[in-house]
Amino acid sequence: MAAAAKLVLLLTLVTWAMIAAPYMTATVAESAITCGQVVGSLIPCIDYLQNGGDVPSACCNGVRSLNDAAETTDDRQKACSCLKSTANTYPKAKESFAAALPDACGVDIHIPYKISRDIDCKSYRVKKHAKEGTGATEVIRRRCHV
């Protein structure tokens, strides 16, 4: 049973490592997200990550929840590192399924590069700028060569 739980956790992390890694915000703040929260959000995605097929609605809810929760650069990098670490422990999770997950769930994560287990979680940032005249916040992502 413990092995099955670890596999589920890994697959979840693989998916999010590939999804969340590029979501680095450019603000410096203390991380509020934990690895447990990251994994917990994506546990419903495990079967999909291993086998493909239809993405469960609970999985998409977890992807949206994690995307919304990881607001700062530190949060995004921590989520990415957690997922990457777990993903590399469980090779059965398929990168192609993880890469397809955001689109399958209708979550726009604006990833300017290929999702993979080799992603550098520290190399991307997200800057937030107020839109002129609207008061709304626009998220602009750019690659940083740190």
N, C-alpha and C. Protein backbone atom coordinates (compact mmCIF):
# COMPACT_ATOMS: atom_id res chain seq x y z
N MET A 1 0.82 -1.19 0.00
CA MET A 1 0.00 0.00 0.00
C MET A 1 0.87 1.26 0.00
N ALA A 2 1.97 1.24 0.76
CA ALA A 2 2.86 2.39 0.80
C ALA A 2 3.47 2.65 -0.56
N ALA A 3 3.81 1.61 -1.30
CA ALA A 3 4.38 1.76 -2.63
C ALA A 3 3.37 2.39 -3.59
N ALA A 4 2.12 2.00 -3.48
CA ALA A 4 1.07 2.57 -4.33
C ALA A 4 0.88 4.05 -4.03
N ALA A 5 0.92 4.41 -2.77
CA ALA A 5 0.77 5.81 -2.38
C ALA A 5 1.94 6.64 -2.89
N LYS A 6 3.12 6.09 -2.83
CA LYS A 6 4.30 6.79 -3.34
C LYS A 6 4.21 6.97 -4.84
N LEU A 7 3.72 5.96 -5.53
CA LEU A 7 3.58 6.05 -6.98
C LEU A 7 2.59 7.14 -7.35
N VAL A 8 1.50 7.20 -6.63
CA VAL A 8 0.50 8.23 -6.88
C VAL A 8 1.11 9.61 -6.63
N LEU A 9 1.84 9.72 -5.58
CA LEU A 9 2.48 10.99 -5.26
C LEU A 9 3.47 11.37 -6.34
N LEU A 10 4.26 10.43 -6.78
CA LEU A 10 5.25 10.70 -7.81
C LEU A 10 4.61 11.15 -9.10
N LEU A 11 3.61 10.44 -9.53
CA LEU A 11 2.96 10.78 -10.79
C LEU A 11 2.35 12.17 -10.72
N THR A 12 1.82 12.48 -9.57
CA THR A 12 1.27 13.81 -9.37
C THR A 12 2.37 14.84 -9.47
N LEU A 13 3.47 14.56 -8.85
CA LEU A 13 4.58 15.49 -8.88
C LEU A 13 5.17 15.61 -10.27
N VAL A 14 5.23 14.53 -11.00
CA VAL A 14 5.73 14.56 -12.37
C VAL A 14 4.90 15.52 -13.19
N THR A 15 3.61 15.39 -13.08
CA THR A 15 2.72 16.25 -13.84
C THR A 15 2.93 17.70 -13.48
N TRP A 16 2.99 17.97 -12.21
CA TRP A 16 3.11 19.37 -11.81
C TRP A 16 4.51 19.90 -12.01
N ALA A 17 5.49 19.06 -11.90
CA ALA A 17 6.85 19.51 -12.18
C ALA A 17 6.92 20.02 -13.60
N MET A 18 6.26 19.32 -14.44
CA MET A 18 6.26 19.69 -15.84
C MET A 18 5.33 20.87 -16.11
N ILE A 19 4.36 21.04 -15.28
CA ILE A 19 3.39 22.11 -15.46
C ILE A 19 3.77 23.36 -14.69
N ALA A 20 4.13 23.21 -13.44
CA ALA A 20 4.33 24.35 -12.57
C ALA A 20 5.71 24.94 -12.63
N ALA A 21 6.67 24.21 -13.08
CA ALA A 21 8.04 24.69 -13.09
C ALA A 21 8.20 26.04 -13.78
N PRO A 22 7.56 26.25 -14.89
CA PRO A 22 7.73 27.52 -15.58
C PRO A 22 6.97 28.68 -14.98
N TYR A 23 6.17 28.42 -13.99
CA TYR A 23 5.37 29.47 -13.39
C TYR A 23 6.09 30.19 -12.27
N MET A 24 7.17 30.82 -12.54
CA MET A 24 7.92 31.48 -11.49
C MET A 24 7.53 32.96 -11.49
N THR A 25 7.09 33.47 -10.36
CA THR A 25 6.76 34.89 -10.29
C THR A 25 8.00 35.67 -9.91
N ALA A 26 8.05 36.89 -10.31
CA ALA A 26 9.24 37.70 -10.12
C ALA A 26 9.28 38.40 -8.77
N THR A 27 8.34 38.18 -7.94
CA THR A 27 8.37 38.79 -6.63
C THR A 27 9.14 37.90 -5.67
N VAL A 28 9.79 38.53 -4.73
CA VAL A 28 10.53 37.76 -3.73
C VAL A 28 9.68 37.71 -2.48
N ALA A 29 9.31 36.52 -2.08
CA ALA A 29 8.48 36.36 -0.90
C ALA A 29 8.76 35.00 -0.29
N GLU A 30 8.41 34.86 0.96
CA GLU A 30 8.59 33.58 1.63
C GLU A 30 7.58 32.59 1.07
N SER A 31 8.03 31.38 0.84
CA SER A 31 7.16 30.36 0.27
C SER A 31 6.04 30.01 1.24
N ALA A 32 4.83 30.00 0.72
CA ALA A 32 3.68 29.65 1.54
C ALA A 32 3.16 28.26 1.18
N ILE A 33 3.67 27.69 0.12
CA ILE A 33 3.18 26.39 -0.34
C ILE A 33 4.12 25.28 0.15
N THR A 34 3.55 24.14 0.47
CA THR A 34 4.36 23.02 0.93
C THR A 34 4.34 21.91 -0.11
N CYS A 35 5.32 21.02 -0.03
CA CYS A 35 5.37 19.89 -0.94
C CYS A 35 4.12 19.01 -0.75
N GLY A 36 3.67 18.90 0.47
CA GLY A 36 2.46 18.13 0.73
C GLY A 36 1.24 18.70 0.02
N GLN A 37 1.14 20.03 -0.03
CA GLN A 37 0.04 20.67 -0.73
C GLN A 37 0.14 20.44 -2.23
N VAL A 38 1.35 20.51 -2.74
CA VAL A 38 1.58 20.29 -4.17
C VAL A 38 1.13 18.88 -4.55
N VAL A 39 1.63 17.92 -3.81
CA VAL A 39 1.31 16.52 -4.09
C VAL A 39 -0.18 16.25 -3.89
N GLY A 40 -0.72 16.76 -2.80
CA GLY A 40 -2.14 16.55 -2.52
C GLY A 40 -3.05 17.08 -3.61
N SER A 41 -2.67 18.20 -4.19
CA SER A 41 -3.47 18.79 -5.27
C SER A 41 -3.54 17.91 -6.50
N LEU A 42 -2.47 17.16 -6.74
CA LEU A 42 -2.37 16.42 -7.99
C LEU A 42 -2.56 14.91 -7.87
N ILE A 43 -2.81 14.42 -6.68
CA ILE A 43 -3.02 12.98 -6.51
C ILE A 43 -4.11 12.43 -7.45
N PRO A 44 -5.20 13.17 -7.69
CA PRO A 44 -6.21 12.64 -8.60
C PRO A 44 -5.73 12.46 -10.05
N CYS A 45 -4.53 12.95 -10.35
CA CYS A 45 -4.00 12.87 -11.71
C CYS A 45 -3.16 11.62 -11.96
N ILE A 46 -2.86 10.86 -10.94
CA ILE A 46 -1.92 9.75 -11.05
C ILE A 46 -2.30 8.75 -12.14
N ASP A 47 -3.53 8.30 -12.15
CA ASP A 47 -3.93 7.30 -13.15
C ASP A 47 -3.75 7.85 -14.56
N TYR A 48 -4.14 9.10 -14.75
CA TYR A 48 -3.96 9.73 -16.06
C TYR A 48 -2.49 9.79 -16.45
N LEU A 49 -1.63 10.17 -15.53
CA LEU A 49 -0.20 10.30 -15.83
C LEU A 49 0.43 8.98 -16.22
N GLN A 50 -0.08 7.91 -15.69
CA GLN A 50 0.46 6.58 -16.01
C GLN A 50 -0.15 6.01 -17.28
N ASN A 51 -1.45 6.21 -17.46
CA ASN A 51 -2.18 5.49 -18.50
C ASN A 51 -2.80 6.35 -19.59
N GLY A 52 -2.86 7.67 -19.38
CA GLY A 52 -3.52 8.53 -20.36
C GLY A 52 -5.03 8.39 -20.26
N GLY A 53 -5.71 8.66 -21.36
CA GLY A 53 -7.17 8.57 -21.37
C GLY A 53 -7.82 9.88 -20.96
N ASP A 54 -9.01 9.77 -20.41
CA ASP A 54 -9.75 10.96 -19.97
C ASP A 54 -9.16 11.47 -18.66
N VAL A 55 -9.03 12.79 -18.57
CA VAL A 55 -8.50 13.40 -17.35
C VAL A 55 -9.66 13.57 -16.38
N PRO A 56 -9.54 13.02 -15.17
CA PRO A 56 -10.62 13.17 -14.18
C PRO A 56 -10.83 14.64 -13.80
N SER A 57 -12.07 15.02 -13.56
CA SER A 57 -12.36 16.40 -13.18
C SER A 57 -11.64 16.77 -11.88
N ALA A 58 -11.48 15.82 -10.97
CA ALA A 58 -10.76 16.10 -9.72
C ALA A 58 -9.30 16.43 -10.00
N CYS A 59 -8.73 15.82 -11.02
CA CYS A 59 -7.35 16.13 -11.42
C CYS A 59 -7.27 17.58 -11.91
N CYS A 60 -8.18 17.95 -12.80
CA CYS A 60 -8.19 19.32 -13.32
C CYS A 60 -8.43 20.34 -12.21
N ASN A 61 -9.28 20.00 -11.26
CA ASN A 61 -9.49 20.89 -10.11
C ASN A 61 -8.20 21.07 -9.33
N GLY A 62 -7.43 20.00 -9.18
CA GLY A 62 -6.15 20.07 -8.49
C GLY A 62 -5.14 20.91 -9.25
N VAL A 63 -5.11 20.76 -10.57
CA VAL A 63 -4.20 21.56 -11.40
C VAL A 63 -4.54 23.04 -11.26
N ARG A 64 -5.82 23.37 -11.34
CA ARG A 64 -6.25 24.77 -11.19
C ARG A 64 -5.91 25.31 -9.80
N SER A 65 -6.18 24.50 -8.79
CA SER A 65 -5.92 24.89 -7.42
C SER A 65 -4.43 25.17 -7.19
N LEU A 66 -3.59 24.28 -7.68
CA LEU A 66 -2.15 24.47 -7.51
C LEU A 66 -1.67 25.68 -8.29
N ASN A 67 -2.17 25.87 -9.49
CA ASN A 67 -1.79 27.02 -10.30
C ASN A 67 -2.16 28.32 -9.58
N ASP A 68 -3.33 28.35 -8.97
CA ASP A 68 -3.77 29.54 -8.24
C ASP A 68 -2.99 29.75 -6.94
N ALA A 69 -2.61 28.66 -6.28
CA ALA A 69 -1.94 28.76 -4.99
C ALA A 69 -0.47 29.17 -5.11
N ALA A 70 0.18 28.77 -6.17
CA ALA A 70 1.61 29.07 -6.34
C ALA A 70 1.75 30.44 -6.99
N GLU A 71 1.71 31.48 -6.16
CA GLU A 71 1.69 32.85 -6.66
C GLU A 71 3.05 33.51 -6.76
N THR A 72 3.97 33.15 -5.89
CA THR A 72 5.27 33.82 -5.87
C THR A 72 6.32 32.98 -6.58
N THR A 73 7.44 33.61 -6.88
CA THR A 73 8.55 32.89 -7.49
C THR A 73 8.97 31.74 -6.60
N ASP A 74 9.06 32.00 -5.30
CA ASP A 74 9.45 30.96 -4.36
C ASP A 74 8.46 29.80 -4.37
N ASP A 75 7.16 30.11 -4.38
CA ASP A 75 6.13 29.07 -4.43
C ASP A 75 6.28 28.22 -5.69
N ARG A 76 6.43 28.87 -6.83
CA ARG A 76 6.54 28.15 -8.11
C ARG A 76 7.79 27.27 -8.14
N GLN A 77 8.89 27.82 -7.66
CA GLN A 77 10.13 27.05 -7.67
C GLN A 77 10.06 25.88 -6.69
N LYS A 78 9.44 26.10 -5.55
CA LYS A 78 9.30 25.02 -4.57
C LYS A 78 8.39 23.91 -5.12
N ALA A 79 7.28 24.29 -5.74
CA ALA A 79 6.37 23.31 -6.35
C ALA A 79 7.09 22.53 -7.45
N CYS A 80 7.82 23.24 -8.27
CA CYS A 80 8.57 22.60 -9.35
C CYS A 80 9.58 21.60 -8.80
N SER A 81 10.36 22.03 -7.82
CA SER A 81 11.38 21.15 -7.24
C SER A 81 10.76 19.92 -6.59
N CYS A 82 9.65 20.11 -5.91
CA CYS A 82 8.95 18.99 -5.28
C CYS A 82 8.48 18.00 -6.33
N LEU A 83 7.87 18.49 -7.38
CA LEU A 83 7.38 17.63 -8.45
C LEU A 83 8.50 16.94 -9.20
N LYS A 84 9.55 17.70 -9.47
CA LYS A 84 10.69 17.13 -10.20
C LYS A 84 11.34 16.01 -9.40
N SER A 85 11.53 16.23 -8.13
CA SER A 85 12.13 15.23 -7.26
C SER A 85 11.29 13.96 -7.23
N THR A 86 10.00 14.13 -7.08
CA THR A 86 9.11 12.98 -7.04
C THR A 86 9.04 12.30 -8.40
N ALA A 87 8.98 13.07 -9.46
CA ALA A 87 8.89 12.52 -10.81
C ALA A 87 10.09 11.64 -11.14
N ASN A 88 11.26 12.08 -10.75
CA ASN A 88 12.46 11.31 -11.06
C ASN A 88 12.56 10.02 -10.26
N THR A 89 11.76 9.91 -9.23
CA THR A 89 11.72 8.69 -8.42
C THR A 89 10.81 7.64 -9.06
N TYR A 90 9.87 8.09 -9.86
CA TYR A 90 8.89 7.20 -10.48
C TYR A 90 8.91 7.34 -12.00
N PRO A 91 9.68 6.50 -12.66
CA PRO A 91 9.84 6.62 -14.11
C PRO A 91 8.61 6.20 -14.93
N LYS A 92 7.59 5.61 -14.32
CA LYS A 92 6.42 5.16 -15.08
C LYS A 92 5.49 6.29 -15.51
N ALA A 93 5.61 7.44 -14.88
CA ALA A 93 4.80 8.58 -15.28
C ALA A 93 5.31 9.05 -16.64
N LYS A 94 4.40 9.28 -17.56
CA LYS A 94 4.77 9.65 -18.92
C LYS A 94 4.79 11.16 -19.09
N GLU A 95 5.93 11.67 -19.56
CA GLU A 95 6.08 13.11 -19.76
C GLU A 95 5.04 13.64 -20.73
N SER A 96 4.71 12.87 -21.75
CA SER A 96 3.74 13.34 -22.75
C SER A 96 2.37 13.58 -22.12
N PHE A 97 1.98 12.73 -21.17
CA PHE A 97 0.70 12.92 -20.50
C PHE A 97 0.76 14.14 -19.58
N ALA A 98 1.88 14.31 -18.90
CA ALA A 98 2.05 15.47 -18.03
C ALA A 98 2.02 16.76 -18.85
N ALA A 99 2.70 16.75 -19.99
CA ALA A 99 2.74 17.93 -20.85
C ALA A 99 1.36 18.29 -21.40
N ALA A 100 0.52 17.29 -21.62
CA ALA A 100 -0.82 17.51 -22.17
C ALA A 100 -1.83 17.93 -21.11
N LEU A 101 -1.50 17.73 -19.86
CA LEU A 101 -2.46 17.96 -18.77
C LEU A 101 -3.02 19.38 -18.70
N PRO A 102 -2.20 20.43 -18.78
CA PRO A 102 -2.76 21.78 -18.69
C PRO A 102 -3.81 22.06 -19.76
N ASP A 103 -3.50 21.71 -21.01
CA ASP A 103 -4.47 21.93 -22.09
C ASP A 103 -5.72 21.09 -21.89
N ALA A 104 -5.53 19.84 -21.47
CA ALA A 104 -6.66 18.94 -21.25
C ALA A 104 -7.60 19.49 -20.17
N CYS A 105 -7.03 20.23 -19.23
CA CYS A 105 -7.82 20.81 -18.13
C CYS A 105 -8.26 22.24 -18.41
N GLY A 106 -7.82 22.80 -19.53
CA GLY A 106 -8.17 24.18 -19.85
C GLY A 106 -7.48 25.18 -18.96
N VAL A 107 -6.27 24.83 -18.48
CA VAL A 107 -5.50 25.72 -17.62
C VAL A 107 -4.36 26.31 -18.45
N ASP A 108 -4.35 27.63 -18.58
CA ASP A 108 -3.34 28.31 -19.39
C ASP A 108 -2.14 28.63 -18.52
N ILE A 109 -1.05 27.91 -18.73
CA ILE A 109 0.13 28.12 -17.89
C ILE A 109 1.27 28.81 -18.63
N HIS A 110 1.09 29.12 -19.91
CA HIS A 110 2.07 29.88 -20.70
C HIS A 110 3.49 29.34 -20.56
N ILE A 111 3.69 28.08 -20.86
CA ILE A 111 5.03 27.50 -20.76
C ILE A 111 5.77 27.72 -22.07
N PRO A 112 6.88 28.47 -22.04
CA PRO A 112 7.62 28.76 -23.27
C PRO A 112 8.67 27.70 -23.61
N TYR A 113 8.60 26.55 -23.03
CA TYR A 113 9.59 25.50 -23.26
C TYR A 113 8.95 24.15 -23.03
N LYS A 114 9.67 23.10 -23.40
CA LYS A 114 9.16 21.74 -23.27
C LYS A 114 9.17 21.30 -21.81
N ILE A 115 8.05 20.75 -21.36
CA ILE A 115 7.95 20.19 -20.02
C ILE A 115 8.75 18.89 -19.99
N SER A 116 9.63 18.76 -19.01
CA SER A 116 10.43 17.54 -18.92
C SER A 116 10.94 17.33 -17.50
N ARG A 117 11.48 16.16 -17.25
CA ARG A 117 12.07 15.85 -15.94
C ARG A 117 13.39 16.60 -15.73
N ASP A 118 13.95 17.14 -16.80
CA ASP A 118 15.24 17.83 -16.72
C ASP A 118 15.10 19.34 -16.55
N ILE A 119 13.91 19.81 -16.33
CA ILE A 119 13.66 21.24 -16.24
C ILE A 119 14.47 21.87 -15.11
N ASP A 120 14.95 23.09 -15.35
CA ASP A 120 15.67 23.85 -14.33
C ASP A 120 14.64 24.75 -13.64
N CYS A 121 14.25 24.38 -12.45
CA CYS A 121 13.19 25.09 -11.74
C CYS A 121 13.56 26.53 -11.38
N LYS A 122 14.82 26.87 -11.39
CA LYS A 122 15.25 28.22 -11.01
C LYS A 122 15.41 29.16 -12.20
N SER A 123 15.20 28.67 -13.42
CA SER A 123 15.54 29.47 -14.60
C SER A 123 14.40 30.30 -15.18
N TYR A 124 13.21 30.22 -14.63
CA TYR A 124 12.09 30.97 -15.18
C TYR A 124 11.42 31.81 -14.11
N ARG A 125 10.91 32.96 -14.55
CA ARG A 125 10.23 33.87 -13.64
C ARG A 125 8.93 34.34 -14.26
N VAL A 126 8.07 34.86 -13.43
CA VAL A 126 6.83 35.48 -13.88
C VAL A 126 6.80 36.86 -13.25
N LYS A 127 6.61 37.86 -14.07
CA LYS A 127 6.50 39.21 -13.55
C LYS A 127 5.05 39.64 -13.60
N LYS A 128 4.63 40.36 -12.58
CA LYS A 128 3.27 40.89 -12.55
C LYS A 128 3.35 42.40 -12.70
N HIS A 129 2.57 42.89 -13.62
CA HIS A 129 2.50 44.33 -13.86
C HIS A 129 1.03 44.73 -13.90
N ALA A 130 0.71 45.89 -13.32
CA ALA A 130 -0.65 46.38 -13.41
C ALA A 130 -0.90 46.88 -14.83
N LYS A 131 -2.01 46.50 -15.42
CA LYS A 131 -2.38 47.00 -16.74
C LYS A 131 -2.76 48.46 -16.61
N GLU A 132 -2.23 49.25 -17.50
CA GLU A 132 -2.48 50.66 -17.47
C GLU A 132 -3.97 50.96 -17.68
N GLY A 133 -4.54 51.70 -16.78
CA GLY A 133 -5.92 52.13 -16.91
C GLY A 133 -6.98 51.11 -16.52
N THR A 134 -6.58 49.90 -16.17
CA THR A 134 -7.60 48.89 -15.86
C THR A 134 -7.58 48.48 -14.41
N GLY A 135 -6.44 48.63 -13.75
CA GLY A 135 -6.34 48.18 -12.37
C GLY A 135 -6.17 46.67 -12.28
N ALA A 136 -6.22 45.99 -13.41
CA ALA A 136 -6.07 44.53 -13.42
C ALA A 136 -4.59 44.17 -13.42
N THR A 137 -4.30 42.94 -13.10
CA THR A 137 -2.91 42.48 -13.09
C THR A 137 -2.69 41.58 -14.28
N GLU A 138 -1.65 41.88 -15.03
CA GLU A 138 -1.28 41.06 -16.17
C GLU A 138 -0.04 40.27 -15.81
N VAL A 139 -0.04 39.01 -16.09
CA VAL A 139 1.12 38.18 -15.80
C VAL A 139 1.93 38.06 -17.07
N ILE A 140 3.16 38.50 -16.98
CA ILE A 140 4.06 38.43 -18.12
C ILE A 140 5.18 37.49 -17.75
N ARG A 141 5.37 36.45 -18.53
CA ARG A 141 6.40 35.46 -18.24
C ARG A 141 7.58 35.67 -19.18
N ARG A 142 8.74 35.54 -18.62
CA ARG A 142 9.94 35.64 -19.44
C ARG A 142 11.00 34.71 -18.89
N ARG A 143 11.87 34.31 -19.75
CA ARG A 143 12.94 33.42 -19.32
C ARG A 143 14.08 34.27 -18.78
N CYS A 144 14.60 33.88 -17.64
CA CYS A 144 15.72 34.57 -17.03
C CYS A 144 16.93 33.67 -17.07
N HIS A 145 18.02 34.21 -17.47
CA HIS A 145 19.27 33.45 -17.49
C HIS A 145 20.01 33.74 -16.19
N VAL A 146 19.63 33.01 -15.16
CA VAL A 146 20.22 33.22 -13.83
C VAL A 146 21.39 32.30 -13.65
